[in-house]
Amino acid sequence: MTPSTITAHLGSLDLANAPLALGGNVFGWTADDDASFGVLDAFVRAGGRMVDTADAYSAWAPGHTGGESEATIGRWLERGGRRDDVVIATKVSRHPGFPGLSAGNVRAAAEASLQRLGTDHVDLYYAHADDPDTPVAEAATAFSRLVEDGLVREIGLSNYTPERIAEWFAVAEAEGLHRPVALQPLYNLVERGFEGASRDAAQRHGLGVLPYSALASGFLTGAYRDGVAPDSPRAGRASRYLDERGRRVLAVLDDLAATHDVPVASVALAWLRSRPTVVAPIASARHTEQLEALLTSMTLELAPDELEHLTAASA
């Protein structure tokens, strides 16, 4: 699979004209139905295609049990009848009621997700995290059967090591199973651990990469600076990046944002979109004002020297 093919397709899913996935982690959590519907409507109107969620979102919030994001998206789909306009990605293994990747759990969790989403299929279904207690062969077979039964179009892996990726593909090859087409790792300008064995694995196996935390919990929006502490549930995570390296990165982002007259976040996402194997960064918006920077990033093209400047500053 050539790099140009990777950047455009995830198996049968074409994101060539929509190189950004809208993160659904905020839906049903920090964004209520009205705010969530507004963001989703604006995203689709602007040409956005993929909405990324998980059955575990937002089990961490007080009073939540998991599935809130999927249920919110399901209500939006029911209201607008837009199922054919979007590519829906969701995940299994971290919902409190459906933990792990045993065959029975994968099937039950998928059916529960479909019910919450109000749809008969998921376009991209991820193993949210590896399950060391379940043999890879069992998990790979369970996912492949979901594809055969029409419940899932394509398979993805999230938070997987290169070794476990290789094991999954070896099983798929030996057993004639449907293969994963996507990899979702932690990757952004200030989290670059992916650029090594994991990226090599993605290239070797033809996996399109959709990085999560593409804006480093909001740090790469430029909102977190010395003496500034926005009121946000992510403030603690974002503020840890405010060190010498983080300040270097912000300085270059500021310069390029001014040069192109775009938000800082747009530049950070455009850099990530330019990286080898990356199909589409994943970023979320709690309201439509935050969405503007995400949409701008889809068409922002940085010059080679600008990309190199960012790469060097974040090294």
Protein backbone atom coordinates (compact mmCIF):
# COMPACT_ATOMS: atom_id res chain seq x y z
CA MET A 1 0.00 0.00 0.00
CA THR A 2 1.53 3.32 -1.03
CA PRO A 3 1.65 6.37 1.26
CA SER A 4 -0.76 8.23 -1.03
CA THR A 5 -3.27 5.39 -0.68
CA ILE A 6 -2.87 5.40 3.10
CA THR A 7 -3.56 9.10 3.29
CA ALA A 8 -6.81 8.78 1.36
CA HIS A 9 -8.37 5.49 2.42
CA LEU A 10 -9.05 3.22 5.35
CA GLY A 11 -10.00 0.10 3.44
CA SER A 12 -13.38 0.92 1.93
CA LEU A 13 -13.63 4.23 3.79
CA ASP A 14 -12.58 7.29 1.79
CA LEU A 15 -11.46 10.36 3.75
CA ALA A 16 -9.53 11.99 0.92
CA ASN A 17 -11.57 15.19 1.03
CA ALA A 18 -12.13 15.25 4.79
CA PRO A 19 -8.78 14.77 6.54
CA LEU A 20 -10.04 15.36 10.10
CA ALA A 21 -12.05 13.17 12.47
CA LEU A 22 -14.37 14.91 14.91
CA GLY A 23 -13.77 13.58 18.41
CA GLY A 24 -16.97 12.61 20.21
CA ASN A 25 -15.51 12.34 23.73
CA VAL A 26 -17.19 15.62 24.76
CA PHE A 27 -20.68 14.71 23.53
CA GLY A 28 -22.94 13.94 26.45
CA TRP A 29 -20.22 15.10 28.85
CA THR A 30 -19.10 18.73 28.56
CA ALA A 31 -21.39 19.31 25.57
CA ASP A 32 -25.13 18.76 26.02
CA ASP A 33 -27.47 17.75 23.19
CA ASP A 34 -27.96 21.28 21.87
CA ALA A 35 -24.22 22.02 21.79
CA SER A 36 -23.36 18.58 20.41
CA PHE A 37 -25.97 18.77 17.66
CA GLY A 38 -24.75 22.24 16.70
CA VAL A 39 -21.16 21.03 16.37
CA LEU A 40 -22.15 17.92 14.41
CA ASP A 41 -24.40 19.90 12.06
CA ALA A 42 -21.67 22.47 11.36
CA PHE A 43 -19.04 19.76 10.87
CA VAL A 44 -21.08 17.93 8.24
CA ARG A 45 -22.10 21.18 6.50
CA ALA A 46 -18.43 22.06 6.14
CA GLY A 47 -17.61 18.73 4.50
CA GLY A 48 -16.53 16.76 7.57
CA ARG A 49 -17.05 13.01 7.36
CA MET A 50 -15.76 10.96 10.29
CA VAL A 51 -17.11 11.13 13.84
CA ASP A 52 -14.97 9.21 16.33
CA THR A 53 -16.41 7.94 19.62
CA ALA A 54 -16.19 4.96 22.00
CA ASP A 55 -18.57 2.97 24.13
CA ALA A 56 -16.60 4.08 27.23
CA TYR A 57 -17.27 7.81 26.67
CA SER A 58 -17.96 9.26 29.26
CA ALA A 59 -17.86 6.65 32.03
CA TRP A 60 -15.32 8.75 33.95
CA ALA A 61 -17.80 11.56 34.65
CA PRO A 62 -19.80 11.52 37.91
CA GLY A 63 -23.15 9.83 37.38
CA HIS A 64 -22.20 8.46 33.96
CA THR A 65 -21.97 4.79 33.09
CA GLY A 66 -20.50 4.88 29.55
CA GLY A 67 -22.24 5.13 26.22
CA GLU A 68 -23.32 8.76 26.70
CA SER A 69 -21.43 9.94 23.61
CA GLU A 70 -22.84 7.19 21.38
CA ALA A 71 -26.36 7.90 22.64
CA THR A 72 -25.95 11.61 21.89
CA ILE A 73 -24.76 10.85 18.36
CA GLY A 74 -27.67 8.43 17.97
CA ARG A 75 -30.18 11.13 18.89
CA TRP A 76 -28.53 13.48 16.40
CA LEU A 77 -28.75 10.88 13.66
CA GLU A 78 -32.38 10.18 14.46
CA ARG A 79 -33.23 13.88 14.39
CA GLY A 80 -31.43 14.68 11.13
CA GLY A 81 -31.50 11.42 9.18
CA ARG A 82 -27.83 11.87 8.23
CA ARG A 83 -26.45 8.36 8.62
CA ASP A 84 -25.21 8.25 5.03
CA ASP A 85 -23.43 11.59 5.45
CA VAL A 86 -21.04 10.41 8.15
CA VAL A 87 -18.46 7.73 8.83
CA ILE A 88 -18.91 6.53 12.41
CA ALA A 89 -16.00 5.07 14.35
CA THR A 90 -16.44 3.59 17.81
CA LYS A 91 -14.52 1.26 20.11
CA VAL A 92 -14.75 -1.67 22.50
CA SER A 93 -12.85 -2.89 25.60
CA ARG A 94 -13.07 -0.02 28.10
CA HIS A 95 -16.79 0.27 28.86
CA PRO A 96 -17.32 -0.70 32.54
CA GLY A 97 -20.06 -3.12 31.52
CA PHE A 98 -18.18 -4.55 28.51
CA PRO A 99 -14.51 -4.79 29.49
CA GLY A 100 -11.92 -6.61 27.41
CA LEU A 101 -11.84 -8.31 24.03
CA SER A 102 -13.23 -11.80 24.61
CA ALA A 103 -15.34 -12.99 21.68
CA GLY A 104 -18.62 -12.82 23.58
CA ASN A 105 -17.87 -9.37 24.94
CA VAL A 106 -16.89 -7.95 21.54
CA ARG A 107 -20.18 -9.13 20.05
CA ALA A 108 -22.29 -7.90 22.98
CA ALA A 109 -20.53 -4.53 23.11
CA ALA A 110 -20.93 -4.02 19.36
CA GLU A 111 -24.64 -4.74 19.55
CA ALA A 112 -25.02 -2.33 22.49
CA SER A 113 -23.15 0.39 20.56
CA LEU A 114 -25.36 -0.11 17.52
CA GLN A 115 -28.45 0.24 19.69
CA ARG A 116 -27.23 3.48 21.25
CA LEU A 117 -26.20 4.86 17.86
CA GLY A 118 -29.49 3.82 16.28
CA THR A 119 -27.79 2.28 13.27
CA ASP A 120 -27.36 -1.17 11.78
CA HIS A 121 -23.59 -0.91 11.25
CA VAL A 122 -20.44 0.82 12.46
CA ASP A 123 -18.08 2.01 9.73
CA LEU A 124 -14.88 1.58 11.75
CA TYR A 125 -14.74 -0.54 14.91
CA TYR A 126 -11.64 -0.35 17.11
CA ALA A 127 -10.16 -2.53 19.77
CA HIS A 128 -9.83 0.45 22.15
CA ALA A 129 -6.94 -1.13 24.03
CA ASP A 130 -5.16 -4.45 24.01
CA ASP A 131 -6.50 -7.13 26.34
CA PRO A 132 -3.62 -9.29 27.61
CA ASP A 133 -6.09 -11.82 29.06
CA THR A 134 -7.63 -12.60 25.66
CA PRO A 135 -5.63 -14.38 22.94
CA VAL A 136 -5.15 -12.21 19.88
CA ALA A 137 -6.60 -15.01 17.76
CA GLU A 138 -9.87 -14.89 19.69
CA ALA A 139 -10.20 -11.11 19.41
CA ALA A 140 -9.20 -11.02 15.74
CA THR A 141 -11.73 -13.73 14.91
CA ALA A 142 -14.50 -11.93 16.82
CA PHE A 143 -13.87 -8.68 14.95
CA SER A 144 -13.71 -10.46 11.60
CA ARG A 145 -17.07 -12.11 12.24
CA LEU A 146 -18.63 -8.70 12.90
CA VAL A 147 -17.49 -7.69 9.40
CA GLU A 148 -18.84 -10.90 7.88
CA ASP A 149 -22.19 -10.34 9.59
CA GLY A 150 -22.45 -6.76 8.31
CA LEU A 151 -22.31 -5.09 11.73
CA VAL A 152 -18.92 -3.51 11.01
CA ARG A 153 -17.35 -2.30 7.76
CA GLU A 154 -13.70 -1.97 8.80
CA ILE A 155 -11.51 -2.87 11.80
CA GLY A 156 -9.11 -0.63 13.73
CA LEU A 157 -6.60 -0.98 16.58
CA SER A 158 -5.98 1.64 19.26
CA ASN A 159 -3.12 1.81 21.78
CA TYR A 160 -1.51 -1.35 20.39
CA THR A 161 2.22 -2.10 20.51
CA PRO A 162 4.06 -2.97 17.30
CA GLU A 163 4.46 -6.54 18.54
CA ARG A 164 0.75 -7.04 19.14
CA ILE A 165 -0.09 -5.41 15.80
CA ALA A 166 2.21 -7.92 14.11
CA GLU A 167 0.57 -10.79 16.01
CA TRP A 168 -2.93 -9.66 14.93
CA PHE A 169 -1.86 -9.54 11.29
CA ALA A 170 -0.14 -12.92 11.53
CA VAL A 171 -3.37 -14.46 12.84
CA ALA A 172 -5.43 -12.73 10.16
CA GLU A 173 -3.11 -14.04 7.46
CA ALA A 174 -3.08 -17.58 8.82
CA GLU A 175 -6.83 -17.79 9.37
CA GLY A 176 -8.03 -15.76 6.39
CA LEU A 177 -9.61 -13.08 8.59
CA HIS A 178 -10.52 -9.50 7.78
CA ARG A 179 -7.53 -7.30 8.56
CA PRO A 180 -7.41 -4.02 10.46
CA VAL A 181 -7.09 -0.90 8.31
CA ALA A 182 -6.59 1.80 10.97
CA LEU A 183 -4.38 2.55 13.95
CA GLN A 184 -5.23 5.13 16.61
CA PRO A 185 -2.23 6.17 18.72
CA LEU A 186 -1.41 9.12 20.98
CA TYR A 187 0.43 11.53 18.68
CA ASN A 188 0.82 15.29 18.41
CA LEU A 189 3.49 18.00 18.32
CA VAL A 190 4.44 17.46 21.97
CA GLU A 191 3.82 13.67 22.07
CA ARG A 192 5.98 12.13 19.36
CA GLY A 193 6.68 8.67 20.74
CA PHE A 194 4.72 7.20 17.83
CA GLU A 195 7.55 8.16 15.45
CA GLY A 196 9.51 4.94 15.71
CA ALA A 197 8.53 1.30 15.86
CA SER A 198 4.81 2.10 15.94
CA ARG A 199 4.97 4.19 12.77
CA ASP A 200 7.11 1.50 11.15
CA ALA A 201 4.40 -1.04 12.01
CA ALA A 202 1.70 1.18 10.50
CA GLN A 203 3.71 1.52 7.29
CA ARG A 204 4.54 -2.18 7.13
CA HIS A 205 0.93 -3.28 7.53
CA GLY A 206 -0.71 -0.48 5.53
CA LEU A 207 -2.54 0.99 8.52
CA GLY A 208 -3.93 4.49 8.17
CA VAL A 209 -3.20 6.48 11.34
CA LEU A 210 -5.76 8.64 13.15
CA PRO A 211 -3.98 10.21 16.13
CA TYR A 212 -5.99 10.95 19.26
CA SER A 213 -5.26 13.90 21.57
CA ALA A 214 -4.15 15.69 18.41
CA LEU A 215 -4.19 19.02 20.30
CA ALA A 216 -2.55 17.65 23.47
CA SER A 217 -5.62 18.09 25.70
CA GLY A 218 -5.99 21.64 24.38
CA PHE A 219 -2.40 22.77 24.92
CA LEU A 220 -1.83 23.15 21.18
CA THR A 221 -4.74 25.56 20.88
CA GLY A 222 -2.51 28.13 22.58
CA ALA A 223 -4.95 28.56 25.45
CA TYR A 224 -2.50 27.34 28.11
CA ARG A 225 0.34 29.77 28.71
CA ASP A 226 2.29 31.24 31.61
CA GLY A 227 -0.14 32.94 33.96
CA VAL A 228 -3.18 31.61 32.07
CA ALA A 229 -5.26 28.72 33.43
CA PRO A 230 -8.52 28.21 31.49
CA ASP A 231 -11.44 26.65 33.36
CA SER A 232 -11.49 23.25 31.68
CA PRO A 233 -11.66 19.60 32.77
CA ARG A 234 -8.47 19.11 30.74
CA ALA A 235 -6.49 21.94 32.35
CA GLY A 236 -4.35 19.66 34.48
CA ARG A 237 -3.32 17.47 31.57
CA ALA A 238 -2.68 20.36 29.22
CA SER A 239 -0.62 22.43 31.65
CA ARG A 240 2.02 19.70 32.00
CA TYR A 241 3.24 20.57 28.51
CA LEU A 242 4.10 24.14 29.52
CA ASP A 243 7.84 23.61 29.79
CA GLU A 244 10.76 24.94 27.76
CA ARG A 245 9.93 22.67 24.83
CA GLY A 246 6.23 23.52 24.98
CA ARG A 247 7.01 27.22 24.95
CA ARG A 248 9.24 26.75 21.86
CA VAL A 249 6.43 24.97 20.07
CA LEU A 250 3.89 27.68 20.98
CA ALA A 251 6.24 30.40 19.73
CA VAL A 252 6.51 28.77 16.29
CA LEU A 253 2.78 28.04 16.19
CA ASP A 254 2.08 31.70 16.99
CA ASP A 255 4.35 32.89 14.17
CA LEU A 256 2.83 30.54 11.59
CA ALA A 257 -0.72 31.26 12.72
CA ALA A 258 -0.05 34.97 12.21
CA THR A 259 1.54 34.33 8.81
CA HIS A 260 -1.45 32.34 7.57
CA ASP A 261 -4.06 34.32 9.54
CA VAL A 262 -5.49 31.16 11.08
CA PRO A 263 -5.97 29.89 14.65
CA VAL A 264 -3.01 28.28 16.41
CA ALA A 265 -4.84 24.94 16.60
CA SER A 266 -5.22 24.89 12.80
CA VAL A 267 -1.45 24.99 12.37
CA ALA A 268 -0.88 22.22 14.92
CA LEU A 269 -3.40 19.97 13.17
CA ALA A 270 -2.02 20.78 9.71
CA TRP A 271 1.45 19.70 10.88
CA LEU A 272 0.06 16.43 12.19
CA ARG A 273 -1.93 15.81 9.02
CA SER A 274 1.31 16.15 7.01
CA ARG A 275 3.12 13.38 8.88
CA PRO A 276 3.79 10.00 7.24
CA THR A 277 0.94 7.44 7.62
CA VAL A 278 -1.51 9.99 9.10
CA VAL A 279 -4.96 9.92 7.49
CA ALA A 280 -6.77 12.33 9.80
CA PRO A 281 -6.08 13.79 13.22
CA ILE A 282 -8.87 13.46 15.80
CA ALA A 283 -9.93 16.64 17.60
CA SER A 284 -13.04 17.63 19.52
CA ALA A 285 -15.07 20.80 19.95
CA ARG A 286 -17.52 21.58 22.74
CA HIS A 287 -19.21 24.34 20.73
CA THR A 288 -19.19 25.69 17.19
CA GLU A 289 -16.74 28.49 17.99
CA GLN A 290 -14.06 25.87 18.73
CA LEU A 291 -14.93 23.99 15.55
CA GLU A 292 -13.69 26.78 13.24
CA ALA A 293 -10.03 26.00 13.92
CA LEU A 294 -10.57 22.31 13.24
CA LEU A 295 -12.29 22.92 9.92
CA THR A 296 -9.64 25.42 8.84
CA SER A 297 -6.95 22.80 9.40
CA MET A 298 -8.46 20.51 6.75
CA THR A 299 -7.35 22.81 3.92
CA LEU A 300 -4.36 24.56 5.48
CA GLU A 301 -1.15 23.63 3.65
CA LEU A 302 2.12 24.51 5.36
CA ALA A 303 5.28 25.01 3.33
CA PRO A 304 8.11 22.46 3.76
CA ASP A 305 10.26 24.94 5.68
CA GLU A 306 7.33 25.76 7.99
CA LEU A 307 6.75 22.09 8.70
CA GLU A 308 10.45 21.60 9.41
CA HIS A 309 10.49 24.59 11.75
CA LEU A 310 7.70 23.01 13.81
CA THR A 311 9.33 19.60 13.72
CA ALA A 312 12.61 21.04 15.00
CA ALA A 313 10.96 23.12 17.72
CA SER A 314 9.16 20.05 19.07
CA ALA A 315 12.12 17.69 18.87
